[in-house]
């Protein structure tokens, strides 16, 4: 999800209404049954069956479709890119076109059981406000992001003197949507500053496979390529 000027959310047709005026659930047709990205599967494991879920920066709806199919969640998506919105709509997923930096403020508190922000935090203009809104909107928030403190990134910057390009951060400095990169230590410190409780945390390799490392320790900040956190208000 790339940062762009603010726009109002645009509602996208979902399942319509029946004769009694009740909303019909959308028919989820994709992605097809099968495996999903490793970090998305770990996120799905944190979500209780039947929960109300808002997936911010949902892309083509891979996680939403999986959660609807496997856990029967009441899921909604928010996506900034038109191509992502189109992909979600073509698969029958309920989505609005919106910007996390501006449009999350329109949601009431505790509107969802889970507010999910996967691999999108670094592309927001005001990460502090976005995180605060996530734990306000959702009874739980799930956040994942690439770790800029990984040892390969440190060595690349040290020896080349140029902004690193990695598997997870694959854009050159001049065209990247990632404007607020952070380390695992940075994120943990922000949660403490905001008074947010970290209920669960995982450190992952580039394929989304978990390490047995404490995200609060220096070793995780050095070795993990990405991190995943389950949060709630204090």
C-alpha atoms as a PDB file:
ATOM      1  CA  UNK A   1       0.000   0.000   0.000  1.00  0.00           C
ATOM      2  CA  UNK A   2       1.724   3.142  -1.176  1.00  0.00           C
ATOM      3  CA  UNK A   3       1.188   6.476   0.576  1.00  0.00           C
ATOM      4  CA  UNK A   4      -0.894   8.880  -1.535  1.00  0.00           C
ATOM      5  CA  UNK A   5      -3.025  11.966  -0.844  1.00  0.00           C
ATOM      6  CA  UNK A   6      -5.984  11.312   1.410  1.00  0.00           C
ATOM      7  CA  UNK A   7      -9.233  10.163  -0.133  1.00  0.00           C
ATOM      8  CA  UNK A   8     -12.555   9.164   1.306  1.00  0.00           C
ATOM      9  CA  UNK A   9     -13.317   5.441   1.425  1.00  0.00           C
ATOM     10  CA  UNK A  10     -15.295   4.204  -1.548  1.00  0.00           C
ATOM     11  CA  UNK A  11     -17.740   1.430  -0.753  1.00  0.00           C
ATOM     12  CA  UNK A  12     -17.555  -1.557  -3.037  1.00  0.00           C
ATOM     13  CA  UNK A  13     -20.544  -3.857  -3.586  1.00  0.00           C
ATOM     14  CA  UNK A  14     -20.613  -6.865  -1.292  1.00  0.00           C
ATOM     15  CA  UNK A  15     -23.331  -9.472  -1.215  1.00  0.00           C
ATOM     16  CA  UNK A  16     -26.390  -7.232  -1.614  1.00  0.00           C
ATOM     17  CA  UNK A  17     -29.590  -7.571   0.422  1.00  0.00           C
ATOM     18  CA  UNK A  18     -32.320 -10.166   0.605  1.00  0.00           C
ATOM     19  CA  UNK A  19     -36.070  -9.492   0.504  1.00  0.00           C
ATOM     20  CA  UNK A  20     -36.082  -8.658   4.212  1.00  0.00           C
ATOM     21  CA  UNK A  21     -33.372  -6.040   3.757  1.00  0.00           C
ATOM     22  CA  UNK A  22     -30.672  -8.108   5.454  1.00  0.00           C
ATOM     23  CA  UNK A  23     -27.150  -8.067   4.054  1.00  0.00           C
ATOM     24  CA  UNK A  24     -26.218 -11.253   2.263  1.00  0.00           C
ATOM     25  CA  UNK A  25     -22.626 -12.466   2.765  1.00  0.00           C
ATOM     26  CA  UNK A  26     -20.385 -12.053  -0.235  1.00  0.00           C
ATOM     27  CA  UNK A  27     -19.424 -15.176  -2.145  1.00  0.00           C
ATOM     28  CA  UNK A  28     -15.720 -15.707  -1.610  1.00  0.00           C
ATOM     29  CA  UNK A  29     -14.212 -17.394  -4.624  1.00  0.00           C
ATOM     30  CA  UNK A  30     -10.476 -16.722  -4.307  1.00  0.00           C
ATOM     31  CA  UNK A  31      -7.695 -17.178  -3.812  1.00  0.00           C
ATOM     32  CA  UNK A  32      -8.243 -20.873  -4.560  1.00  0.00           C
ATOM     33  CA  UNK A  33      -7.762 -23.407  -1.777  1.00  0.00           C
ATOM     34  CA  UNK A  34      -4.130 -24.047  -1.032  1.00  0.00           C
ATOM     35  CA  UNK A  35      -1.247 -22.637   0.913  1.00  0.00           C
ATOM     36  CA  UNK A  36      -0.790 -18.951   1.656  1.00  0.00           C
ATOM     37  CA  UNK A  37       2.252 -16.853   2.479  1.00  0.00           C
ATOM     38  CA  UNK A  38       3.983 -18.001   5.658  1.00  0.00           C
ATOM     39  CA  UNK A  39       3.454 -14.824   7.663  1.00  0.00           C
ATOM     40  CA  UNK A  40      -0.216 -14.678   6.634  1.00  0.00           C
ATOM     41  CA  UNK A  41      -0.760 -18.220   7.894  1.00  0.00           C
ATOM     42  CA  UNK A  42       0.716 -17.227  11.266  1.00  0.00           C
ATOM     43  CA  UNK A  43      -1.608 -14.218  11.365  1.00  0.00           C
ATOM     44  CA  UNK A  44      -4.566 -16.486  10.587  1.00  0.00           C
ATOM     45  CA  UNK A  45      -3.593 -18.730  13.506  1.00  0.00           C
ATOM     46  CA  UNK A  46      -4.015 -15.742  15.859  1.00  0.00           C
ATOM     47  CA  UNK A  47      -7.598 -15.089  14.721  1.00  0.00           C
ATOM     48  CA  UNK A  48     -10.496 -16.855  16.457  1.00  0.00           C
ATOM     49  CA  UNK A  49     -13.162 -18.520  14.286  1.00  0.00           C
ATOM     50  CA  UNK A  50     -16.176 -16.341  13.508  1.00  0.00           C
ATOM     51  CA  UNK A  51     -14.396 -13.124  14.519  1.00  0.00           C
ATOM     52  CA  UNK A  52     -15.046  -9.705  13.017  1.00  0.00           C
ATOM     53  CA  UNK A  53     -11.907  -8.737  11.091  1.00  0.00           C
ATOM     54  CA  UNK A  54     -10.682  -5.586   9.333  1.00  0.00           C
ATOM     55  CA  UNK A  55      -7.669  -6.198   7.078  1.00  0.00           C
ATOM     56  CA  UNK A  56      -5.972  -2.870   6.286  1.00  0.00           C
ATOM     57  CA  UNK A  57      -3.805  -2.892   3.184  1.00  0.00           C
ATOM     58  CA  UNK A  58      -5.415  -6.188   2.198  1.00  0.00           C
ATOM     59  CA  UNK A  59      -3.890  -6.281  -1.300  1.00  0.00           C
ATOM     60  CA  UNK A  60      -5.623  -8.861  -3.483  1.00  0.00           C
ATOM     61  CA  UNK A  61      -7.477 -10.316  -0.478  1.00  0.00           C
ATOM     62  CA  UNK A  62      -5.349 -13.432   0.034  1.00  0.00           C
ATOM     63  CA  UNK A  63      -5.635 -13.330   3.837  1.00  0.00           C
ATOM     64  CA  UNK A  64      -9.298 -12.288   3.881  1.00  0.00           C
ATOM     65  CA  UNK A  65     -10.286 -15.133   1.576  1.00  0.00           C
ATOM     66  CA  UNK A  66      -8.350 -17.645   3.666  1.00  0.00           C
ATOM     67  CA  UNK A  67      -9.935 -16.427   6.916  1.00  0.00           C
ATOM     68  CA  UNK A  68     -13.436 -16.508   5.400  1.00  0.00           C
ATOM     69  CA  UNK A  69     -12.906 -20.009   4.020  1.00  0.00           C
ATOM     70  CA  UNK A  70     -11.070 -21.597   6.950  1.00  0.00           C
ATOM     71  CA  UNK A  71     -12.391 -19.691   9.972  1.00  0.00           C
ATOM     72  CA  UNK A  72     -15.747 -18.284   8.816  1.00  0.00           C
ATOM     73  CA  UNK A  73     -14.815 -14.763   9.881  1.00  0.00           C
ATOM     74  CA  UNK A  74     -16.919 -11.686   9.187  1.00  0.00           C
ATOM     75  CA  UNK A  75     -14.152  -9.975   7.243  1.00  0.00           C
ATOM     76  CA  UNK A  76     -13.781  -6.531   5.679  1.00  0.00           C
ATOM     77  CA  UNK A  77     -10.860  -5.093   3.767  1.00  0.00           C
ATOM     78  CA  UNK A  78      -9.322  -1.664   3.147  1.00  0.00           C
ATOM     79  CA  UNK A  79      -6.938  -1.202   0.226  1.00  0.00           C
ATOM     80  CA  UNK A  80      -5.485   1.934  -1.343  1.00  0.00           C
ATOM     81  CA  UNK A  81      -4.480   0.588  -4.752  1.00  0.00           C
ATOM     82  CA  UNK A  82      -7.158   0.319  -7.408  1.00  0.00           C
ATOM     83  CA  UNK A  83      -5.684  -2.943  -8.695  1.00  0.00           C
ATOM     84  CA  UNK A  84      -5.972  -4.498  -5.222  1.00  0.00           C
ATOM     85  CA  UNK A  85      -9.554  -3.313  -4.836  1.00  0.00           C
ATOM     86  CA  UNK A  86     -10.430  -4.709  -8.260  1.00  0.00           C
ATOM     87  CA  UNK A  87      -8.884  -8.079  -7.384  1.00  0.00           C
ATOM     88  CA  UNK A  88     -10.843  -8.288  -4.113  1.00  0.00           C
ATOM     89  CA  UNK A  89     -14.100  -7.341  -5.793  1.00  0.00           C
ATOM     90  CA  UNK A  90     -13.596  -9.885  -8.579  1.00  0.00           C
ATOM     91  CA  UNK A  91     -13.358 -12.573  -5.880  1.00  0.00           C
ATOM     92  CA  UNK A  92     -16.436 -11.394  -3.992  1.00  0.00           C
ATOM     93  CA  UNK A  93     -14.565  -9.939  -1.033  1.00  0.00           C
ATOM     94  CA  UNK A  94     -16.070  -6.944   0.820  1.00  0.00           C
ATOM     95  CA  UNK A  95     -13.599  -4.065   0.522  1.00  0.00           C
ATOM     96  CA  UNK A  96     -13.401  -0.273   0.561  1.00  0.00           C
ATOM     97  CA  UNK A  97     -10.791   1.849  -1.109  1.00  0.00           C
ATOM     98  CA  UNK A  98      -9.137   3.809   1.658  1.00  0.00           C
ATOM     99  CA  UNK A  99      -5.982   5.152   3.261  1.00  0.00           C
ATOM    100  CA  UNK A 100      -4.873   3.912   6.690  1.00  0.00           C
ATOM    101  CA  UNK A 101      -3.384   7.301   7.580  1.00  0.00           C
ATOM    102  CA  UNK A 102      -6.692   9.130   7.224  1.00  0.00           C
ATOM    103  CA  UNK A 103      -9.652   6.758   6.988  1.00  0.00           C
ATOM    104  CA  UNK A 104      -9.154   4.672  10.148  1.00  0.00           C
ATOM    105  CA  UNK A 105     -10.295   7.695  12.161  1.00  0.00           C
ATOM    106  CA  UNK A 106     -13.815   7.180  10.749  1.00  0.00           C
ATOM    107  CA  UNK A 107     -14.229   3.771  12.400  1.00  0.00           C
ATOM    108  CA  UNK A 108     -15.838   3.522  15.862  1.00  0.00           C
ATOM    109  CA  UNK A 109     -13.940   2.040  18.783  1.00  0.00           C
ATOM    110  CA  UNK A 110     -14.104  -1.754  19.221  1.00  0.00           C
ATOM    111  CA  UNK A 111     -15.841  -2.144  15.852  1.00  0.00           C
ATOM    112  CA  UNK A 112     -13.852  -5.327  15.135  1.00  0.00           C
ATOM    113  CA  UNK A 113     -12.366  -8.195  17.072  1.00  0.00           C
ATOM    114  CA  UNK A 114      -9.128  -7.902  15.070  1.00  0.00           C
ATOM    115  CA  UNK A 115      -7.620  -5.054  13.064  1.00  0.00           C
ATOM    116  CA  UNK A 116      -4.820  -6.432  10.884  1.00  0.00           C
ATOM    117  CA  UNK A 117      -1.981  -4.469   9.275  1.00  0.00           C
ATOM    118  CA  UNK A 118       0.314  -6.833   7.380  1.00  0.00           C
ATOM    119  CA  UNK A 119       3.553  -5.558   5.800  1.00  0.00           C
ATOM    120  CA  UNK A 120       2.039  -2.065   5.466  1.00  0.00           C
ATOM    121  CA  UNK A 121       3.175  -0.108   8.552  1.00  0.00           C
ATOM    122  CA  UNK A 122       6.378   1.091   6.868  1.00  0.00           C
ATOM    123  CA  UNK A 123       4.355   2.645   4.018  1.00  0.00           C
ATOM    124  CA  UNK A 124       2.198   4.834   6.296  1.00  0.00           C
ATOM    125  CA  UNK A 125       2.858   8.521   6.835  1.00  0.00           C
ATOM    126  CA  UNK A 126       2.046   8.496  10.565  1.00  0.00           C
ATOM    127  CA  UNK A 127       2.778   5.023  11.990  1.00  0.00           C
ATOM    128  CA  UNK A 128       2.226   6.163  15.576  1.00  0.00           C
ATOM    129  CA  UNK A 129      -1.321   7.320  14.814  1.00  0.00           C
ATOM    130  CA  UNK A 130      -2.053   4.234  12.714  1.00  0.00           C
ATOM    131  CA  UNK A 131      -1.008   1.893  15.542  1.00  0.00           C
ATOM    132  CA  UNK A 132      -3.094   3.875  18.045  1.00  0.00           C
ATOM    133  CA  UNK A 133      -6.120   3.598  15.742  1.00  0.00           C
ATOM    134  CA  UNK A 134      -5.604  -0.137  15.252  1.00  0.00           C
ATOM    135  CA  UNK A 135      -5.882  -0.917  18.968  1.00  0.00           C
ATOM    136  CA  UNK A 136      -8.832   1.474  19.245  1.00  0.00           C
ATOM    137  CA  UNK A 137     -10.791  -0.032  16.342  1.00  0.00           C
ATOM    138  CA  UNK A 138      -9.985  -3.654  17.141  1.00  0.00           C
ATOM    139  CA  UNK A 139     -10.159  -5.433  20.461  1.00  0.00           C
ATOM    140  CA  UNK A 140      -6.902  -6.926  19.237  1.00  0.00           C
ATOM    141  CA  UNK A 141      -4.499  -5.649  16.577  1.00  0.00           C
ATOM    142  CA  UNK A 142      -2.136  -7.808  14.521  1.00  0.00           C
ATOM    143  CA  UNK A 143       0.840  -6.051  12.922  1.00  0.00           C
ATOM    144  CA  UNK A 144       3.679  -7.424  10.797  1.00  0.00           C
ATOM    145  CA  UNK A 145       6.564  -5.531   9.196  1.00  0.00           C
ATOM    146  CA  UNK A 146      10.071  -6.028   7.763  1.00  0.00           C
ATOM    147  CA  UNK A 147      12.896  -5.561  10.263  1.00  0.00           C
ATOM    148  CA  UNK A 148      15.324  -2.846   9.144  1.00  0.00           C
ATOM    149  CA  UNK A 149      17.736  -3.958  11.870  1.00  0.00           C
ATOM    150  CA  UNK A 150      18.563  -7.282  10.159  1.00  0.00           C
ATOM    151  CA  UNK A 151      22.257  -8.000   9.848  1.00  0.00           C
ATOM    152  CA  UNK A 152      22.249  -8.114   6.039  1.00  0.00           C
ATOM    153  CA  UNK A 153      20.755  -4.621   5.905  1.00  0.00           C
ATOM    154  CA  UNK A 154      23.330  -3.337   8.382  1.00  0.00           C
ATOM    155  CA  UNK A 155      26.231  -4.820   6.425  1.00  0.00           C
ATOM    156  CA  UNK A 156      24.876  -3.627   3.091  1.00  0.00           C
ATOM    157  CA  UNK A 157      24.643  -0.064   4.338  1.00  0.00           C
ATOM    158  CA  UNK A 158      28.042  -0.285   6.042  1.00  0.00           C
ATOM    159  CA  UNK A 159      30.002  -1.643   3.078  1.00  0.00           C
ATOM    160  CA  UNK A 160      28.129  -0.185   0.086  1.00  0.00           C
ATOM    161  CA  UNK A 161      27.142   3.140   1.607  1.00  0.00           C
ATOM    162  CA  UNK A 162      23.817   2.912  -0.233  1.00  0.00           C
ATOM    163  CA  UNK A 163      20.236   2.224   0.844  1.00  0.00           C
ATOM    164  CA  UNK A 164      19.805  -1.568   0.970  1.00  0.00           C
ATOM    165  CA  UNK A 165      17.515  -3.497  -1.375  1.00  0.00           C
ATOM    166  CA  UNK A 166      16.352  -6.838   0.027  1.00  0.00           C
ATOM    167  CA  UNK A 167      13.814  -9.575  -0.656  1.00  0.00           C
ATOM    168  CA  UNK A 168      11.266  -7.849   1.600  1.00  0.00           C
ATOM    169  CA  UNK A 169      12.330  -4.272   0.817  1.00  0.00           C
ATOM    170  CA  UNK A 170      12.748  -4.609  -2.913  1.00  0.00           C
ATOM    171  CA  UNK A 171      12.380  -0.992  -4.104  1.00  0.00           C
ATOM    172  CA  UNK A 172      15.177   1.458  -4.831  1.00  0.00           C
ATOM    173  CA  UNK A 173      15.341   4.484  -2.534  1.00  0.00           C
ATOM    174  CA  UNK A 174      13.893   6.833  -5.161  1.00  0.00           C
ATOM    175  CA  UNK A 175      10.698   4.885  -5.894  1.00  0.00           C
ATOM    176  CA  UNK A 176      10.002   3.055  -2.648  1.00  0.00           C
ATOM    177  CA  UNK A 177       6.602   3.271  -0.921  1.00  0.00           C
ATOM    178  CA  UNK A 178       8.391   2.452   2.354  1.00  0.00           C
ATOM    179  CA  UNK A 179       8.859   5.820   4.030  1.00  0.00           C
ATOM    180  CA  UNK A 180       9.023   4.878   7.731  1.00  0.00           C
ATOM    181  CA  UNK A 181      11.238   1.834   8.112  1.00  0.00           C
ATOM    182  CA  UNK A 182      11.813   0.566  11.640  1.00  0.00           C
ATOM    183  CA  UNK A 183      13.546  -2.154  13.596  1.00  0.00           C
ATOM    184  CA  UNK A 184      11.936  -4.618  15.989  1.00  0.00           C
ATOM    185  CA  UNK A 185      13.390  -2.645  18.897  1.00  0.00           C
ATOM    186  CA  UNK A 186      11.853   0.551  17.519  1.00  0.00           C
ATOM    187  CA  UNK A 187       8.412  -1.055  17.334  1.00  0.00           C
ATOM    188  CA  UNK A 188       8.584  -2.518  20.845  1.00  0.00           C
ATOM    189  CA  UNK A 189       9.658   0.884  22.202  1.00  0.00           C
ATOM    190  CA  UNK A 190       6.713   2.583  20.433  1.00  0.00           C
ATOM    191  CA  UNK A 191       4.241   0.103  21.929  1.00  0.00           C
ATOM    192  CA  UNK A 192       5.614   0.801  25.403  1.00  0.00           C
ATOM    193  CA  UNK A 193       5.417   4.549  24.769  1.00  0.00           C
ATOM    194  CA  UNK A 194       1.760   4.255  23.703  1.00  0.00           C
ATOM    195  CA  UNK A 195       0.888   1.996  26.629  1.00  0.00           C
ATOM    196  CA  UNK A 196       0.006  -0.891  24.300  1.00  0.00           C
ATOM    197  CA  UNK A 197       0.176  -4.455  25.611  1.00  0.00           C
ATOM    198  CA  UNK A 198       2.106  -6.949  23.475  1.00  0.00           C
ATOM    199  CA  UNK A 199       0.189 -10.192  24.000  1.00  0.00           C
ATOM    200  CA  UNK A 200       2.210 -12.286  21.599  1.00  0.00           C
ATOM    201  CA  UNK A 201       5.164 -11.722  19.288  1.00  0.00           C
ATOM    202  CA  UNK A 202       7.011 -13.747  16.685  1.00  0.00           C
ATOM    203  CA  UNK A 203      10.232 -13.186  14.778  1.00  0.00           C
ATOM    204  CA  UNK A 204      10.379 -14.616  11.256  1.00  0.00           C
ATOM    205  CA  UNK A 205      12.777 -15.311   8.422  1.00  0.00           C
ATOM    206  CA  UNK A 206      12.121 -14.005   4.903  1.00  0.00           C
ATOM    207  CA  UNK A 207       9.837 -16.964   4.096  1.00  0.00           C
ATOM    208  CA  UNK A 208       7.663 -16.295   7.146  1.00  0.00           C
ATOM    209  CA  UNK A 209       9.026 -19.198   9.209  1.00  0.00           C
ATOM    210  CA  UNK A 210       9.293 -18.361  12.931  1.00  0.00           C
ATOM    211  CA  UNK A 211      12.482 -18.220  14.977  1.00  0.00           C
ATOM    212  CA  UNK A 212      12.654 -19.146  18.659  1.00  0.00           C
ATOM    213  CA  UNK A 213      13.936 -15.691  19.560  1.00  0.00           C
ATOM    214  CA  UNK A 214      12.634 -13.160  22.058  1.00  0.00           C
ATOM    215  CA  UNK A 215      11.548 -10.095  20.033  1.00  0.00           C
ATOM    216  CA  UNK A 216      12.552  -7.926  22.964  1.00  0.00           C
ATOM    217  CA  UNK A 217      16.171  -9.064  22.738  1.00  0.00           C
ATOM    218  CA  UNK A 218      19.035  -7.807  20.616  1.00  0.00           C
ATOM    219  CA  UNK A 219      19.556 -11.155  18.878  1.00  0.00           C
ATOM    220  CA  UNK A 220      16.086 -11.091  17.328  1.00  0.00           C
ATOM    221  CA  UNK A 221      16.669  -7.535  16.110  1.00  0.00           C
ATOM    222  CA  UNK A 222      19.835  -8.762  14.411  1.00  0.00           C
ATOM    223  CA  UNK A 223      18.689 -12.094  12.926  1.00  0.00           C
ATOM    224  CA  UNK A 224      14.963 -11.777  12.147  1.00  0.00           C
ATOM    225  CA  UNK A 225      13.948 -10.400   8.746  1.00  0.00           C
ATOM    226  CA  UNK A 226      10.383  -9.656   9.802  1.00  0.00           C
ATOM    227  CA  UNK A 227       8.259  -9.565  12.951  1.00  0.00           C
ATOM    228  CA  UNK A 228       4.649 -10.209  13.905  1.00  0.00           C
ATOM    229  CA  UNK A 229       2.854  -8.793  16.963  1.00  0.00           C
ATOM    230  CA  UNK A 230      -0.546  -9.338  18.608  1.00  0.00           C
ATOM    231  CA  UNK A 231      -1.506  -6.161  20.481  1.00  0.00           C
ATOM    232  CA  UNK A 232      -4.285  -4.753  22.672  1.00  0.00           C
ATOM    233  CA  UNK A 233      -5.054  -1.673  24.696  1.00  0.00           C
ATOM    234  CA  UNK A 234      -3.809  -1.668  28.265  1.00  0.00           C
END
